Amino acid sequence: MFQRSLFPRDMFSVLERLQREMQQNFDFTPSIRGITRGGFPALNIGSTLRSVEIHAFVPGVDPDAIDVHLEKGVLTIAGERREPVAAAGSTTHIDERFTGAFRRVVSLPDDIDAGAVTASYKDGVLHISIARREGVRQRRIVIE
């Protein structure tokens, strides 16, 4: 009645695992959280008429471990989230939290004022505000 398979079931599970691992290595599509691999910290970038506003979500990262640099219109946010120290005798079964070094690089508009940058950190969110230069702001031209 039942025919025996020529391939043992273990072979299929090995092939499925291999396929999953290959997809993970070459998958650059956003995850359910909107972050691609290597995309930590998540960023929100917006602008107003007067400034460019950047929010980097870095929960669990000491603000002193974050470096922010602005050079030639390119903003770099880099740092490291350290592995929390586990209690003696405890075992971690699932660890999905990102740890290690991170770096995000963002190209900014040409009209930013590199001398007017402020940064603050509150509740795991790094907020960077970069003013726009006065002379290059858009203005409405009235047609006569």
C-alpha atoms as a PDB file:
ATOM      1  CA  MET A   1       0.000   0.000   0.000  1.00  0.00           C
ATOM      2  CA  PHE A   2       2.583   2.514   1.025  1.00  0.00           C
ATOM      3  CA  GLN A   3       5.576   3.033  -1.136  1.00  0.00           C
ATOM      4  CA  ARG A   4       8.803   3.809   0.543  1.00  0.00           C
ATOM      5  CA  SER A   5      10.363   7.098  -0.558  1.00  0.00           C
ATOM      6  CA  LEU A   6      13.714   6.980  -2.269  1.00  0.00           C
ATOM      7  CA  PHE A   7      14.766  10.032  -0.226  1.00  0.00           C
ATOM      8  CA  PRO A   8      14.767   9.937   3.530  1.00  0.00           C
ATOM      9  CA  ARG A   9      12.724  12.654   5.239  1.00  0.00           C
ATOM     10  CA  ASP A  10      15.820  14.005   6.915  1.00  0.00           C
ATOM     11  CA  MET A  11      17.197  14.978   3.525  1.00  0.00           C
ATOM     12  CA  PHE A  12      14.194  17.231   2.882  1.00  0.00           C
ATOM     13  CA  SER A  13      14.536  18.913   6.256  1.00  0.00           C
ATOM     14  CA  VAL A  14      18.203  19.575   5.522  1.00  0.00           C
ATOM     15  CA  LEU A  15      17.296  21.060   2.127  1.00  0.00           C
ATOM     16  CA  GLU A  16      14.586  23.260   3.695  1.00  0.00           C
ATOM     17  CA  ARG A  17      17.039  24.531   6.302  1.00  0.00           C
ATOM     18  CA  LEU A  18      19.622  25.263   3.614  1.00  0.00           C
ATOM     19  CA  GLN A  19      17.031  27.143   1.542  1.00  0.00           C
ATOM     20  CA  ARG A  20      15.991  29.248   4.580  1.00  0.00           C
ATOM     21  CA  GLU A  21      19.601  30.124   5.321  1.00  0.00           C
ATOM     22  CA  MET A  22      20.254  31.135   1.712  1.00  0.00           C
ATOM     23  CA  GLN A  23      17.149  33.349   1.669  1.00  0.00           C
ATOM     24  CA  GLN A  24      18.242  35.041   4.891  1.00  0.00           C
ATOM     25  CA  ASN A  25      21.661  35.834   3.451  1.00  0.00           C
ATOM     26  CA  PHE A  26      20.292  37.384   0.276  1.00  0.00           C
ATOM     27  CA  ASP A  27      17.046  38.861   1.572  1.00  0.00           C
ATOM     28  CA  PHE A  28      17.196  42.644   1.488  1.00  0.00           C
ATOM     29  CA  THR A  29      13.450  43.200   1.693  1.00  0.00           C
ATOM     30  CA  PRO A  30      12.088  44.967   4.760  1.00  0.00           C
ATOM     31  CA  SER A  31      11.022  42.827   7.659  1.00  0.00           C
ATOM     32  CA  ILE A  32       7.697  43.165   9.441  1.00  0.00           C
ATOM     33  CA  ARG A  33       9.253  45.987  11.483  1.00  0.00           C
ATOM     34  CA  GLY A  34      10.393  47.817   8.361  1.00  0.00           C
ATOM     35  CA  ILE A  35      14.094  47.233   8.977  1.00  0.00           C
ATOM     36  CA  THR A  36      16.289  45.419   6.530  1.00  0.00           C
ATOM     37  CA  ARG A  37      19.176  43.363   7.806  1.00  0.00           C
ATOM     38  CA  GLY A  38      21.910  45.675   8.987  1.00  0.00           C
ATOM     39  CA  GLY A  39      19.361  48.472   9.256  1.00  0.00           C
ATOM     40  CA  PHE A  40      19.785  49.294  12.917  1.00  0.00           C
ATOM     41  CA  PRO A  41      18.889  51.785  14.161  1.00  0.00           C
ATOM     42  CA  ALA A  42      15.554  52.377  12.485  1.00  0.00           C
ATOM     43  CA  LEU A  43      15.279  55.971  11.275  1.00  0.00           C
ATOM     44  CA  ASN A  44      12.490  58.462  10.726  1.00  0.00           C
ATOM     45  CA  ILE A  45      13.618  61.372   8.557  1.00  0.00           C
ATOM     46  CA  GLY A  46      11.444  64.381   7.868  1.00  0.00           C
ATOM     47  CA  SER A  47      11.762  68.038   7.108  1.00  0.00           C
ATOM     48  CA  THR A  48      10.149  71.390   7.698  1.00  0.00           C
ATOM     49  CA  LEU A  49      10.759  74.692   5.961  1.00  0.00           C
ATOM     50  CA  ARG A  50      13.352  75.487   8.630  1.00  0.00           C
ATOM     51  CA  SER A  51      15.048  72.146   9.391  1.00  0.00           C
ATOM     52  CA  VAL A  52      15.687  68.479   8.689  1.00  0.00           C
ATOM     53  CA  GLU A  53      14.555  66.240  11.551  1.00  0.00           C
ATOM     54  CA  ILE A  54      16.015  62.779  12.148  1.00  0.00           C
ATOM     55  CA  HIS A  55      14.881  60.305  14.790  1.00  0.00           C
ATOM     56  CA  ALA A  56      17.046  57.224  15.358  1.00  0.00           C
ATOM     57  CA  PHE A  57      15.485  54.518  17.505  1.00  0.00           C
ATOM     58  CA  VAL A  58      18.292  53.146  19.680  1.00  0.00           C
ATOM     59  CA  PRO A  59      16.701  51.619  22.790  1.00  0.00           C
ATOM     60  CA  GLY A  60      19.155  50.117  25.218  1.00  0.00           C
ATOM     61  CA  VAL A  61      22.112  52.031  23.812  1.00  0.00           C
ATOM     62  CA  ASP A  62      24.026  54.375  26.105  1.00  0.00           C
ATOM     63  CA  PRO A  63      24.055  57.864  24.531  1.00  0.00           C
ATOM     64  CA  ASP A  64      27.800  58.042  25.274  1.00  0.00           C
ATOM     65  CA  ALA A  65      28.271  55.008  22.974  1.00  0.00           C
ATOM     66  CA  ILE A  66      26.765  56.839  19.966  1.00  0.00           C
ATOM     67  CA  ASP A  67      28.841  58.956  17.566  1.00  0.00           C
ATOM     68  CA  VAL A  68      27.142  61.442  15.270  1.00  0.00           C
ATOM     69  CA  HIS A  69      29.164  63.088  12.491  1.00  0.00           C
ATOM     70  CA  LEU A  70      28.161  65.482   9.737  1.00  0.00           C
ATOM     71  CA  GLU A  71      30.581  66.019   6.891  1.00  0.00           C
ATOM     72  CA  LYS A  72      29.928  67.350   3.376  1.00  0.00           C
ATOM     73  CA  GLY A  73      26.183  66.810   3.624  1.00  0.00           C
ATOM     74  CA  VAL A  74      26.467  63.240   4.886  1.00  0.00           C
ATOM     75  CA  LEU A  75      25.260  62.347   8.382  1.00  0.00           C
ATOM     76  CA  THR A  76      26.747  59.276  10.044  1.00  0.00           C
ATOM     77  CA  ILE A  77      25.278  57.667  13.155  1.00  0.00           C
ATOM     78  CA  ALA A  78      27.472  54.915  14.599  1.00  0.00           C
ATOM     79  CA  GLY A  79      27.791  53.113  17.895  1.00  0.00           C
ATOM     80  CA  GLU A  80      27.492  49.837  19.671  1.00  0.00           C
ATOM     81  CA  ARG A  81      24.792  48.078  21.639  1.00  0.00           C
ATOM     82  CA  ARG A  82      26.434  45.827  24.174  1.00  0.00           C
ATOM     83  CA  GLU A  83      25.174  42.411  25.176  1.00  0.00           C
ATOM     84  CA  PRO A  84      23.373  42.655  28.535  1.00  0.00           C
ATOM     85  CA  VAL A  85      25.031  40.736  31.348  1.00  0.00           C
ATOM     86  CA  ALA A  86      22.974  37.638  32.144  1.00  0.00           C
ATOM     87  CA  ALA A  87      22.339  36.627  35.723  1.00  0.00           C
ATOM     88  CA  ALA A  88      24.515  33.798  36.981  1.00  0.00           C
ATOM     89  CA  GLY A  89      22.977  30.417  36.250  1.00  0.00           C
ATOM     90  CA  SER A  90      20.406  31.777  33.780  1.00  0.00           C
ATOM     91  CA  THR A  91      19.911  30.400  30.290  1.00  0.00           C
ATOM     92  CA  THR A  92      18.703  32.382  27.277  1.00  0.00           C
ATOM     93  CA  HIS A  93      16.430  30.372  25.008  1.00  0.00           C
ATOM     94  CA  ILE A  94      15.593  33.029  22.404  1.00  0.00           C
ATOM     95  CA  ASP A  95      17.639  36.165  21.823  1.00  0.00           C
ATOM     96  CA  GLU A  96      16.190  38.422  19.102  1.00  0.00           C
ATOM     97  CA  ARG A  97      17.653  41.687  20.302  1.00  0.00           C
ATOM     98  CA  PHE A  98      20.343  43.203  18.089  1.00  0.00           C
ATOM     99  CA  THR A  99      23.746  43.573  19.742  1.00  0.00           C
ATOM    100  CA  GLY A 100      27.010  44.740  18.287  1.00  0.00           C
ATOM    101  CA  ALA A 101      28.299  47.656  16.260  1.00  0.00           C
ATOM    102  CA  PHE A 102      25.978  49.646  14.024  1.00  0.00           C
ATOM    103  CA  ARG A 103      26.330  52.419  11.466  1.00  0.00           C
ATOM    104  CA  ARG A 104      23.806  54.358   9.401  1.00  0.00           C
ATOM    105  CA  VAL A 105      24.748  56.916   6.746  1.00  0.00           C
ATOM    106  CA  VAL A 106      22.263  59.457   5.403  1.00  0.00           C
ATOM    107  CA  SER A 107      22.737  61.930   2.555  1.00  0.00           C
ATOM    108  CA  LEU A 108      21.170  65.273   3.409  1.00  0.00           C
ATOM    109  CA  PRO A 109      19.817  68.078   1.206  1.00  0.00           C
ATOM    110  CA  ASP A 110      22.212  70.738  -0.063  1.00  0.00           C
ATOM    111  CA  ASP A 111      20.577  73.559   1.904  1.00  0.00           C
ATOM    112  CA  ILE A 112      21.458  72.353   5.425  1.00  0.00           C
ATOM    113  CA  ASP A 113      23.496  74.483   7.803  1.00  0.00           C
ATOM    114  CA  ALA A 114      26.242  72.215   9.176  1.00  0.00           C
ATOM    115  CA  GLY A 115      26.926  74.747  11.922  1.00  0.00           C
ATOM    116  CA  ALA A 116      23.388  74.558  13.312  1.00  0.00           C
ATOM    117  CA  VAL A 117      22.965  70.959  14.448  1.00  0.00           C
ATOM    118  CA  THR A 118      21.443  69.843  17.745  1.00  0.00           C
ATOM    119  CA  ALA A 119      21.129  66.322  19.116  1.00  0.00           C
ATOM    120  CA  SER A 120      19.237  65.004  22.133  1.00  0.00           C
ATOM    121  CA  TYR A 121      18.489  61.557  23.534  1.00  0.00           C
ATOM    122  CA  LYS A 122      15.357  60.603  25.436  1.00  0.00           C
ATOM    123  CA  ASP A 123      13.663  57.252  26.065  1.00  0.00           C
ATOM    124  CA  GLY A 124      15.806  55.395  23.532  1.00  0.00           C
ATOM    125  CA  VAL A 125      15.273  57.902  20.726  1.00  0.00           C
ATOM    126  CA  LEU A 126      18.111  60.026  19.365  1.00  0.00           C
ATOM    127  CA  HIS A 127      16.715  63.245  17.866  1.00  0.00           C
ATOM    128  CA  ILE A 128      18.931  65.226  15.496  1.00  0.00           C
ATOM    129  CA  SER A 129      17.771  68.568  14.154  1.00  0.00           C
ATOM    130  CA  ILE A 130      19.711  70.307  11.370  1.00  0.00           C
ATOM    131  CA  ALA A 131      18.702  73.836  10.409  1.00  0.00           C
ATOM    132  CA  ARG A 132      18.369  74.922   6.802  1.00  0.00           C
ATOM    133  CA  ARG A 133      20.400  77.917   5.592  1.00  0.00           C
ATOM    134  CA  GLU A 134      18.462  81.176   5.390  1.00  0.00           C
ATOM    135  CA  GLY A 135      19.526  82.230   1.902  1.00  0.00           C
ATOM    136  CA  VAL A 136      18.488  79.045   0.129  1.00  0.00           C
ATOM    137  CA  ARG A 137      15.066  78.463   1.651  1.00  0.00           C
ATOM    138  CA  GLN A 138      12.246  78.141  -0.803  1.00  0.00           C
ATOM    139  CA  ARG A 139      10.011  81.120  -1.086  1.00  0.00           C
ATOM    140  CA  ARG A 140       6.833  81.675  -2.992  1.00  0.00           C
ATOM    141  CA  ILE A 141       7.085  84.051  -5.903  1.00  0.00           C
ATOM    142  CA  VAL A 142       3.977  86.068  -6.584  1.00  0.00           C
ATOM    143  CA  ILE A 143       3.007  86.294 -10.220  1.00  0.00           C
ATOM    144  CA  GLU A 144       1.868  89.771 -11.205  1.00  0.00           C
END
